[in-house]
């Protein structure tokens, strides 16, 4: 029904981790709270007469927000590099080639590292749509990525219809 082939480059890992880490609801809530904290304390520095917080305390709060954001960025970069380098090491320094064959009931995954894996659609819990990929998450939290512009058989629109039919998007 569908075939998809692509090579896992560092670009894939960057996109995957943006959506799997930085777009988690708890991280989004944290970033909203940090943004509110940053803006509020910046306001207190500009208009100190409107607050009982002294300027030094407000500056300290702003520095704390910036440090937390730097830690988030560091964790993101570390995870991307770790996953990419780990897969390069497992594949003798080469990017991993992925081939997926999808039919009505299951997904057969072949790659240049391991034996083929079959996953039934009944085990797919949800689908994350990124700019370039569909990431199907199984109940066991296995991420199965399909590159949108790499369909050999079938089209992106037809695949999206299948996902809607299966009530995954």
N, C-alpha and C. Protein backbone atom coordinates (compact mmCIF):
# COMPACT_ATOMS: atom_id res chain seq x y z
N UNK A 1 0.82 -1.19 0.00
CA UNK A 1 0.00 0.00 0.00
C UNK A 1 0.87 1.27 0.00
N UNK A 2 1.85 1.35 0.95
CA UNK A 2 2.76 2.50 1.02
C UNK A 2 4.18 1.99 1.22
N UNK A 3 5.13 2.70 0.62
CA UNK A 3 6.55 2.45 0.88
C UNK A 3 7.21 3.80 1.08
N UNK A 4 8.13 3.83 2.05
CA UNK A 4 8.82 5.07 2.40
C UNK A 4 10.27 4.72 2.68
N UNK A 5 11.19 5.44 2.06
CA UNK A 5 12.63 5.21 2.26
C UNK A 5 13.32 6.54 2.49
N UNK A 6 14.21 6.56 3.48
CA UNK A 6 15.00 7.77 3.73
C UNK A 6 16.24 7.41 4.53
N UNK A 7 17.12 8.38 4.66
CA UNK A 7 18.34 8.22 5.45
C UNK A 7 18.23 9.12 6.67
N UNK A 8 18.51 8.54 7.84
CA UNK A 8 18.46 9.30 9.10
C UNK A 8 19.70 10.20 9.20
N UNK A 9 19.53 11.45 8.89
CA UNK A 9 20.62 12.41 9.02
C UNK A 9 20.46 13.15 10.34
N UNK A 10 21.40 14.02 10.64
CA UNK A 10 21.32 14.79 11.87
C UNK A 10 20.09 15.69 11.87
N UNK A 11 19.67 16.12 10.69
CA UNK A 11 18.47 16.95 10.56
C UNK A 11 17.25 16.21 11.12
N UNK A 12 17.17 14.90 10.88
CA UNK A 12 16.07 14.10 11.43
C UNK A 12 16.07 14.15 12.95
N UNK A 13 17.23 13.94 13.56
CA UNK A 13 17.30 13.91 15.02
C UNK A 13 16.94 15.27 15.61
N UNK A 14 17.35 16.34 14.96
CA UNK A 14 16.99 17.68 15.44
C UNK A 14 15.49 17.87 15.43
N UNK A 15 14.86 17.51 14.33
CA UNK A 15 13.41 17.67 14.22
C UNK A 15 12.68 16.75 15.20
N UNK A 16 13.15 15.53 15.33
CA UNK A 16 12.53 14.58 16.25
C UNK A 16 12.57 15.09 17.70
N UNK A 17 13.73 15.57 18.12
CA UNK A 17 13.86 16.02 19.51
C UNK A 17 13.15 17.35 19.77
N UNK A 18 12.99 18.18 18.77
CA UNK A 18 12.20 19.40 18.97
C UNK A 18 10.78 19.01 19.34
N UNK A 19 10.22 18.06 18.60
CA UNK A 19 8.84 17.67 18.83
C UNK A 19 8.67 16.71 20.00
N UNK A 20 9.66 15.89 20.28
CA UNK A 20 9.50 14.92 21.37
C UNK A 20 9.94 15.47 22.72
N UNK A 21 10.75 16.52 22.74
CA UNK A 21 11.19 17.09 24.01
C UNK A 21 10.66 18.50 24.21
N UNK A 22 10.98 19.39 23.31
CA UNK A 22 10.65 20.80 23.52
C UNK A 22 9.15 21.09 23.36
N UNK A 23 8.41 20.20 22.71
CA UNK A 23 6.98 20.44 22.52
C UNK A 23 6.12 19.63 23.49
N UNK A 24 6.74 19.04 24.51
CA UNK A 24 5.95 18.35 25.53
C UNK A 24 5.17 19.40 26.31
N UNK A 25 3.95 19.08 26.70
CA UNK A 25 3.13 20.06 27.43
C UNK A 25 3.81 20.63 28.68
N UNK A 26 4.52 19.81 29.43
CA UNK A 26 5.16 20.31 30.65
C UNK A 26 6.28 21.31 30.31
N UNK A 27 7.01 21.07 29.24
CA UNK A 27 8.07 21.99 28.83
C UNK A 27 7.47 23.28 28.30
N UNK A 28 6.37 23.19 27.57
CA UNK A 28 5.69 24.40 27.07
C UNK A 28 5.19 25.23 28.24
N UNK A 29 4.58 24.58 29.23
CA UNK A 29 4.09 25.31 30.42
C UNK A 29 5.26 25.96 31.16
N UNK A 30 6.34 25.23 31.32
CA UNK A 30 7.53 25.78 31.98
C UNK A 30 8.03 27.02 31.23
N UNK A 31 8.10 26.94 29.92
CA UNK A 31 8.59 28.07 29.13
C UNK A 31 7.64 29.27 29.18
N UNK A 32 6.35 29.01 29.24
CA UNK A 32 5.39 30.12 29.40
C UNK A 32 5.60 30.80 30.75
N UNK A 33 5.75 30.00 31.80
CA UNK A 33 5.98 30.57 33.13
C UNK A 33 7.30 31.34 33.20
N UNK A 34 8.32 30.80 32.57
CA UNK A 34 9.61 31.49 32.53
C UNK A 34 9.51 32.81 31.75
N UNK A 35 8.75 32.80 30.68
CA UNK A 35 8.57 34.02 29.89
C UNK A 35 7.83 35.09 30.69
N UNK A 36 6.80 34.68 31.40
CA UNK A 36 6.06 35.62 32.25
C UNK A 36 6.97 36.18 33.33
N UNK A 37 7.75 35.31 33.95
CA UNK A 37 8.70 35.73 34.98
C UNK A 37 9.70 36.73 34.41
N UNK A 38 10.23 36.43 33.23
CA UNK A 38 11.22 37.30 32.58
C UNK A 38 10.62 38.68 32.30
N UNK A 39 9.44 38.71 31.69
CA UNK A 39 8.80 39.98 31.33
C UNK A 39 8.44 40.79 32.57
N UNK A 40 7.91 40.11 33.58
CA UNK A 40 7.54 40.79 34.82
C UNK A 40 8.75 41.43 35.49
N UNK A 41 9.83 40.69 35.58
CA UNK A 41 11.02 41.23 36.24
C UNK A 41 11.70 42.31 35.41
N UNK A 42 11.62 42.20 34.11
CA UNK A 42 12.13 43.26 33.24
C UNK A 42 11.32 44.54 33.46
N UNK A 43 10.02 44.38 33.59
CA UNK A 43 9.12 45.50 33.88
C UNK A 43 9.49 46.15 35.22
N UNK A 44 9.79 45.32 36.23
CA UNK A 44 10.17 45.85 37.55
C UNK A 44 11.50 46.59 37.52
N UNK A 45 12.39 46.18 36.63
CA UNK A 45 13.68 46.87 36.50
C UNK A 45 13.46 48.23 35.83
N UNK A 46 12.60 48.26 34.82
CA UNK A 46 12.34 49.51 34.10
C UNK A 46 11.52 50.48 34.95
N UNK A 47 10.55 49.96 35.69
CA UNK A 47 9.68 50.79 36.53
C UNK A 47 9.77 50.33 37.99
N UNK A 48 10.90 50.62 38.66
CA UNK A 48 11.09 50.12 40.04
C UNK A 48 10.08 50.69 41.04
N UNK A 49 9.51 51.83 40.76
CA UNK A 49 8.56 52.44 41.68
C UNK A 49 7.24 51.67 41.76
N UNK A 50 6.97 50.77 40.78
CA UNK A 50 5.72 50.01 40.77
C UNK A 50 5.83 48.68 41.51
N UNK A 51 6.97 48.41 42.09
CA UNK A 51 7.18 47.12 42.75
C UNK A 51 7.91 47.29 44.06
N UNK A 52 7.69 46.36 44.95
CA UNK A 52 8.46 46.35 46.19
C UNK A 52 9.68 45.43 46.09
N UNK A 53 9.92 44.88 44.89
CA UNK A 53 11.11 44.06 44.65
C UNK A 53 12.24 44.99 44.23
N UNK A 54 13.39 44.83 44.88
CA UNK A 54 14.50 45.70 44.49
C UNK A 54 15.09 45.24 43.15
N UNK A 55 15.82 46.13 42.51
CA UNK A 55 16.36 45.88 41.17
C UNK A 55 17.30 44.68 41.16
N UNK A 56 18.10 44.52 42.19
CA UNK A 56 19.05 43.39 42.24
C UNK A 56 18.32 42.05 42.24
N UNK A 57 17.22 41.97 42.98
CA UNK A 57 16.44 40.73 43.03
C UNK A 57 15.82 40.45 41.66
N UNK A 58 15.28 41.48 41.03
CA UNK A 58 14.69 41.31 39.70
C UNK A 58 15.75 40.86 38.70
N UNK A 59 16.94 41.43 38.78
CA UNK A 59 18.03 41.03 37.89
C UNK A 59 18.41 39.57 38.13
N UNK A 60 18.43 39.17 39.39
CA UNK A 60 18.74 37.77 39.72
C UNK A 60 17.69 36.83 39.13
N UNK A 61 16.42 37.19 39.21
CA UNK A 61 15.36 36.37 38.63
C UNK A 61 15.52 36.24 37.11
N UNK A 62 15.90 37.34 36.46
CA UNK A 62 16.12 37.31 35.01
C UNK A 62 17.29 36.39 34.67
N UNK A 63 18.35 36.47 35.44
CA UNK A 63 19.50 35.59 35.20
C UNK A 63 19.10 34.13 35.39
N UNK A 64 18.29 33.85 36.40
CA UNK A 64 17.82 32.47 36.63
C UNK A 64 17.04 31.95 35.42
N UNK A 65 16.16 32.78 34.87
CA UNK A 65 15.38 32.38 33.70
C UNK A 65 16.32 32.06 32.53
N UNK A 66 17.30 32.93 32.29
CA UNK A 66 18.23 32.72 31.19
C UNK A 66 19.06 31.45 31.38
N UNK A 67 19.45 31.17 32.63
CA UNK A 67 20.21 29.96 32.92
C UNK A 67 19.35 28.71 32.63
N UNK A 68 18.09 28.74 33.03
CA UNK A 68 17.20 27.59 32.78
C UNK A 68 17.01 27.38 31.28
N UNK A 69 16.84 28.46 30.53
CA UNK A 69 16.70 28.34 29.08
C UNK A 69 17.98 27.78 28.43
N UNK A 70 19.13 28.22 28.94
CA UNK A 70 20.40 27.68 28.44
C UNK A 70 20.52 26.18 28.73
N UNK A 71 20.05 25.76 29.89
CA UNK A 71 20.07 24.34 30.25
C UNK A 71 19.17 23.55 29.30
N UNK A 72 17.99 24.08 28.99
CA UNK A 72 17.09 23.41 28.04
C UNK A 72 17.76 23.24 26.68
N UNK A 73 18.39 24.30 26.20
CA UNK A 73 19.07 24.25 24.90
C UNK A 73 20.21 23.23 24.94
N UNK A 74 20.96 23.23 26.04
CA UNK A 74 22.06 22.27 26.19
C UNK A 74 21.53 20.83 26.16
N UNK A 75 20.44 20.56 26.87
CA UNK A 75 19.87 19.21 26.90
C UNK A 75 19.42 18.80 25.50
N UNK A 76 18.79 19.71 24.79
CA UNK A 76 18.34 19.43 23.42
C UNK A 76 19.54 19.07 22.53
N UNK A 77 20.57 19.91 22.53
CA UNK A 77 21.75 19.67 21.69
C UNK A 77 22.44 18.37 22.09
N UNK A 78 22.54 18.13 23.39
CA UNK A 78 23.18 16.91 23.88
C UNK A 78 22.42 15.66 23.42
N UNK A 79 21.09 15.68 23.52
CA UNK A 79 20.29 14.53 23.10
C UNK A 79 20.39 14.28 21.60
N UNK A 80 20.35 15.36 20.81
CA UNK A 80 20.48 15.21 19.35
C UNK A 80 21.82 14.58 19.01
N UNK A 81 22.90 15.14 19.55
CA UNK A 81 24.24 14.63 19.24
C UNK A 81 24.44 13.21 19.75
N UNK A 82 23.93 12.92 20.94
CA UNK A 82 24.06 11.59 21.51
C UNK A 82 23.36 10.55 20.65
N UNK A 83 22.12 10.81 20.27
CA UNK A 83 21.36 9.85 19.45
C UNK A 83 22.00 9.68 18.08
N UNK A 84 22.38 10.78 17.46
CA UNK A 84 22.97 10.71 16.12
C UNK A 84 24.31 9.97 16.16
N UNK A 85 25.17 10.34 17.10
CA UNK A 85 26.48 9.69 17.18
C UNK A 85 26.38 8.22 17.56
N UNK A 86 25.41 7.89 18.40
CA UNK A 86 25.19 6.50 18.78
C UNK A 86 24.81 5.66 17.57
N UNK A 87 23.90 6.20 16.74
CA UNK A 87 23.50 5.47 15.54
C UNK A 87 24.63 5.39 14.52
N UNK A 88 25.43 6.45 14.41
CA UNK A 88 26.60 6.40 13.51
C UNK A 88 27.56 5.31 13.97
N UNK A 89 27.79 5.25 15.27
CA UNK A 89 28.71 4.24 15.83
C UNK A 89 28.18 2.83 15.58
N UNK A 90 26.87 2.64 15.76
CA UNK A 90 26.26 1.33 15.54
C UNK A 90 26.31 0.91 14.08
N UNK A 91 26.41 1.89 13.17
CA UNK A 91 26.39 1.61 11.74
C UNK A 91 27.74 1.92 11.08
N UNK A 92 28.81 1.74 11.83
CA UNK A 92 30.18 1.90 11.32
C UNK A 92 30.43 3.26 10.66
N UNK A 93 29.90 4.32 11.26
CA UNK A 93 30.14 5.67 10.78
C UNK A 93 29.23 6.12 9.64
N UNK A 94 28.28 5.30 9.27
CA UNK A 94 27.35 5.65 8.18
C UNK A 94 25.99 6.00 8.74
N UNK A 95 25.29 6.91 8.02
CA UNK A 95 23.91 7.20 8.40
C UNK A 95 23.05 5.96 8.19
N UNK A 96 22.01 5.84 8.97
CA UNK A 96 21.13 4.67 8.89
C UNK A 96 20.10 4.85 7.79
N UNK A 97 19.96 3.83 6.98
CA UNK A 97 18.94 3.82 5.93
C UNK A 97 17.69 3.13 6.47
N UNK A 98 16.55 3.78 6.29
CA UNK A 98 15.28 3.26 6.79
C UNK A 98 14.36 2.97 5.60
N UNK A 99 13.70 1.83 5.64
CA UNK A 99 12.68 1.49 4.64
C UNK A 99 11.46 1.00 5.39
N UNK A 100 10.32 1.58 5.07
CA UNK A 100 9.06 1.18 5.69
C UNK A 100 8.09 0.73 4.62
N UNK A 101 7.45 -0.40 4.89
CA UNK A 101 6.39 -0.90 4.02
C UNK A 101 5.14 -0.95 4.90
N UNK A 102 4.12 -0.22 4.47
CA UNK A 102 2.92 -0.06 5.28
C UNK A 102 1.73 -0.62 4.54
N UNK A 103 0.99 -1.48 5.23
CA UNK A 103 -0.26 -1.96 4.65
C UNK A 103 -1.38 -1.60 5.62
N UNK A 104 -2.54 -2.10 5.38
CA UNK A 104 -3.73 -1.74 6.16
C UNK A 104 -3.59 -2.10 7.65
N UNK A 105 -2.84 -3.16 7.96
CA UNK A 105 -2.78 -3.66 9.33
C UNK A 105 -1.48 -3.36 10.07
N UNK A 106 -0.36 -3.31 9.35
CA UNK A 106 0.89 -3.15 10.07
C UNK A 106 1.95 -2.39 9.27
N UNK A 107 3.05 -2.15 9.96
CA UNK A 107 4.19 -1.43 9.39
C UNK A 107 5.41 -2.33 9.52
N UNK A 108 6.06 -2.58 8.40
CA UNK A 108 7.30 -3.36 8.41
C UNK A 108 8.45 -2.37 8.29
N UNK A 109 9.34 -2.41 9.27
CA UNK A 109 10.47 -1.48 9.32
C UNK A 109 11.75 -2.25 9.06
N UNK A 110 12.49 -1.80 8.06
CA UNK A 110 13.80 -2.37 7.76
C UNK A 110 14.81 -1.25 7.87
N UNK A 111 15.96 -1.56 8.45
CA UNK A 111 17.03 -0.56 8.48
C UNK A 111 18.36 -1.26 8.30
N UNK A 112 19.40 -0.47 8.18
CA UNK A 112 20.72 -1.03 7.90
C UNK A 112 21.39 -1.60 9.14
N UNK A 113 20.70 -1.65 10.28
CA UNK A 113 21.30 -2.14 11.52
C UNK A 113 20.74 -3.48 12.00
N UNK A 114 19.44 -3.59 12.02
CA UNK A 114 18.81 -4.72 12.70
C UNK A 114 17.94 -5.51 11.73
N UNK A 115 17.42 -6.61 12.26
CA UNK A 115 16.47 -7.37 11.45
C UNK A 115 15.16 -6.59 11.35
N UNK A 116 14.32 -7.00 10.44
CA UNK A 116 13.06 -6.31 10.21
C UNK A 116 12.18 -6.38 11.45
N UNK A 117 11.39 -5.33 11.63
CA UNK A 117 10.45 -5.25 12.75
C UNK A 117 9.07 -5.00 12.16
N UNK A 118 8.07 -5.71 12.67
CA UNK A 118 6.68 -5.46 12.29
C UNK A 118 5.94 -4.90 13.48
N UNK A 119 5.20 -3.83 13.24
CA UNK A 119 4.38 -3.23 14.29
C UNK A 119 2.98 -3.05 13.74
N UNK A 120 2.02 -3.58 14.46
CA UNK A 120 0.63 -3.45 14.03
C UNK A 120 0.09 -2.07 14.32
N UNK A 121 -0.80 -1.61 13.46
CA UNK A 121 -1.42 -0.30 13.69
C UNK A 121 -2.17 -0.25 15.01
N UNK A 122 -2.62 -1.42 15.50
CA UNK A 122 -3.33 -1.45 16.78
C UNK A 122 -2.42 -1.04 17.94
N UNK A 123 -1.09 -1.11 17.71
CA UNK A 123 -0.13 -0.72 18.75
C UNK A 123 0.33 0.74 18.63
N UNK A 124 -0.16 1.44 17.61
CA UNK A 124 0.20 2.85 17.45
C UNK A 124 -0.75 3.67 18.31
N UNK A 125 -0.15 4.46 19.20
CA UNK A 125 -0.94 5.25 20.14
C UNK A 125 -1.29 6.63 19.60
N UNK A 126 -0.32 7.29 18.97
CA UNK A 126 -0.59 8.60 18.41
C UNK A 126 0.43 8.93 17.33
N UNK A 127 0.12 9.99 16.57
CA UNK A 127 0.98 10.42 15.49
C UNK A 127 1.33 11.89 15.72
N UNK A 128 2.61 12.19 15.60
CA UNK A 128 3.07 13.57 15.69
C UNK A 128 3.46 13.99 14.27
N UNK A 129 2.88 15.09 13.81
CA UNK A 129 3.22 15.62 12.50
C UNK A 129 4.24 16.73 12.69
N UNK A 130 5.41 16.57 12.08
CA UNK A 130 6.42 17.62 12.11
C UNK A 130 6.47 18.23 10.72
N UNK A 131 7.40 19.12 10.52
CA UNK A 131 7.53 19.77 9.22
C UNK A 131 7.82 18.75 8.11
N UNK A 132 8.71 17.81 8.38
CA UNK A 132 9.16 16.87 7.35
C UNK A 132 8.79 15.41 7.61
N UNK A 133 8.22 15.09 8.77
CA UNK A 133 8.01 13.69 9.14
C UNK A 133 6.63 13.48 9.77
N UNK A 134 6.17 12.24 9.68
CA UNK A 134 5.13 11.71 10.54
C UNK A 134 5.87 10.83 11.53
N UNK A 135 5.65 11.04 12.81
CA UNK A 135 6.27 10.19 13.82
C UNK A 135 5.14 9.44 14.52
N UNK A 136 5.12 8.12 14.29
CA UNK A 136 4.11 7.28 14.89
C UNK A 136 4.67 6.74 16.20
N UNK A 137 3.96 6.98 17.29
CA UNK A 137 4.42 6.52 18.60
C UNK A 137 3.63 5.30 19.02
N UNK A 138 4.34 4.23 19.32
CA UNK A 138 3.69 2.99 19.75
C UNK A 138 3.40 3.05 21.24
N UNK A 139 2.63 2.08 21.71
CA UNK A 139 2.31 2.00 23.14
C UNK A 139 3.58 1.84 23.97
N UNK A 140 4.61 1.22 23.39
CA UNK A 140 5.89 1.03 24.09
C UNK A 140 6.81 2.24 23.92
N UNK A 141 6.26 3.34 23.38
CA UNK A 141 7.00 4.60 23.17
C UNK A 141 8.10 4.49 22.12
N UNK A 142 7.96 3.56 21.19
CA UNK A 142 8.86 3.45 20.06
C UNK A 142 8.41 4.46 19.02
N UNK A 143 9.32 5.29 18.54
CA UNK A 143 9.00 6.27 17.52
C UNK A 143 9.33 5.74 16.14
N UNK A 144 8.34 5.75 15.26
CA UNK A 144 8.51 5.28 13.89
C UNK A 144 8.31 6.49 12.99
N UNK A 145 9.36 6.89 12.31
CA UNK A 145 9.29 8.10 11.49
C UNK A 145 9.13 7.75 10.02
N UNK A 146 8.29 8.52 9.34
CA UNK A 146 8.13 8.44 7.89
C UNK A 146 8.41 9.83 7.35
N UNK A 147 9.32 9.91 6.43
CA UNK A 147 9.64 11.21 5.84
C UNK A 147 8.60 11.55 4.79
N UNK A 148 8.02 12.74 4.91
CA UNK A 148 6.91 13.13 4.04
C UNK A 148 7.27 13.15 2.57
N UNK A 149 8.47 13.55 2.23
CA UNK A 149 8.83 13.65 0.81
C UNK A 149 9.56 12.41 0.29
N UNK A 150 9.46 11.29 1.03
CA UNK A 150 10.20 10.08 0.62
C UNK A 150 9.30 8.88 0.35
N UNK A 151 8.06 9.14 -0.03
CA UNK A 151 7.17 8.03 -0.37
C UNK A 151 7.53 7.51 -1.76
N UNK A 152 7.82 6.21 -1.82
CA UNK A 152 8.12 5.56 -3.10
C UNK A 152 6.82 5.02 -3.69
N UNK A 153 5.97 4.54 -2.82
CA UNK A 153 4.67 4.02 -3.22
C UNK A 153 3.63 4.72 -2.35
N UNK A 154 2.61 5.28 -2.97
CA UNK A 154 1.61 6.04 -2.25
C UNK A 154 2.05 7.49 -2.11
N UNK A 155 1.16 8.31 -1.57
CA UNK A 155 1.46 9.73 -1.39
C UNK A 155 1.24 10.15 0.05
N UNK A 156 1.72 11.32 0.37
CA UNK A 156 1.54 11.87 1.71
C UNK A 156 0.06 12.02 2.02
N UNK A 157 -0.69 12.55 1.07
CA UNK A 157 -2.13 12.75 1.30
C UNK A 157 -2.87 11.43 1.52
N UNK A 158 -2.54 10.43 0.74
CA UNK A 158 -3.16 9.11 0.91
C UNK A 158 -2.81 8.51 2.27
N UNK A 159 -1.55 8.69 2.69
CA UNK A 159 -1.13 8.16 3.99
C UNK A 159 -1.85 8.90 5.12
N UNK A 160 -1.98 10.20 4.96
CA UNK A 160 -2.69 10.98 5.97
C UNK A 160 -4.16 10.53 6.07
N UNK A 161 -4.76 10.20 4.94
CA UNK A 161 -6.14 9.68 4.94
C UNK A 161 -6.21 8.36 5.71
N UNK A 162 -5.20 7.50 5.51
CA UNK A 162 -5.15 6.24 6.24
C UNK A 162 -5.06 6.49 7.75
N UNK A 163 -4.23 7.45 8.15
CA UNK A 163 -4.11 7.77 9.58
C UNK A 163 -5.41 8.32 10.15
N UNK A 164 -6.11 9.12 9.36
CA UNK A 164 -7.41 9.64 9.81
C UNK A 164 -8.42 8.52 9.92
N UNK A 165 -8.38 7.60 8.95
CA UNK A 165 -9.28 6.45 8.97
C UNK A 165 -9.05 5.62 10.23
N UNK A 166 -7.80 5.51 10.64
CA UNK A 166 -7.45 4.73 11.84
C UNK A 166 -7.58 5.57 13.11
N UNK A 167 -8.05 6.82 12.95
CA UNK A 167 -8.27 7.75 14.07
C UNK A 167 -7.00 8.04 14.87
N UNK A 168 -5.88 8.16 14.13
CA UNK A 168 -4.60 8.48 14.78
C UNK A 168 -4.27 9.97 14.67
N UNK A 169 -4.93 10.67 13.75
CA UNK A 169 -4.78 12.14 13.67
C UNK A 169 -6.15 12.77 13.48
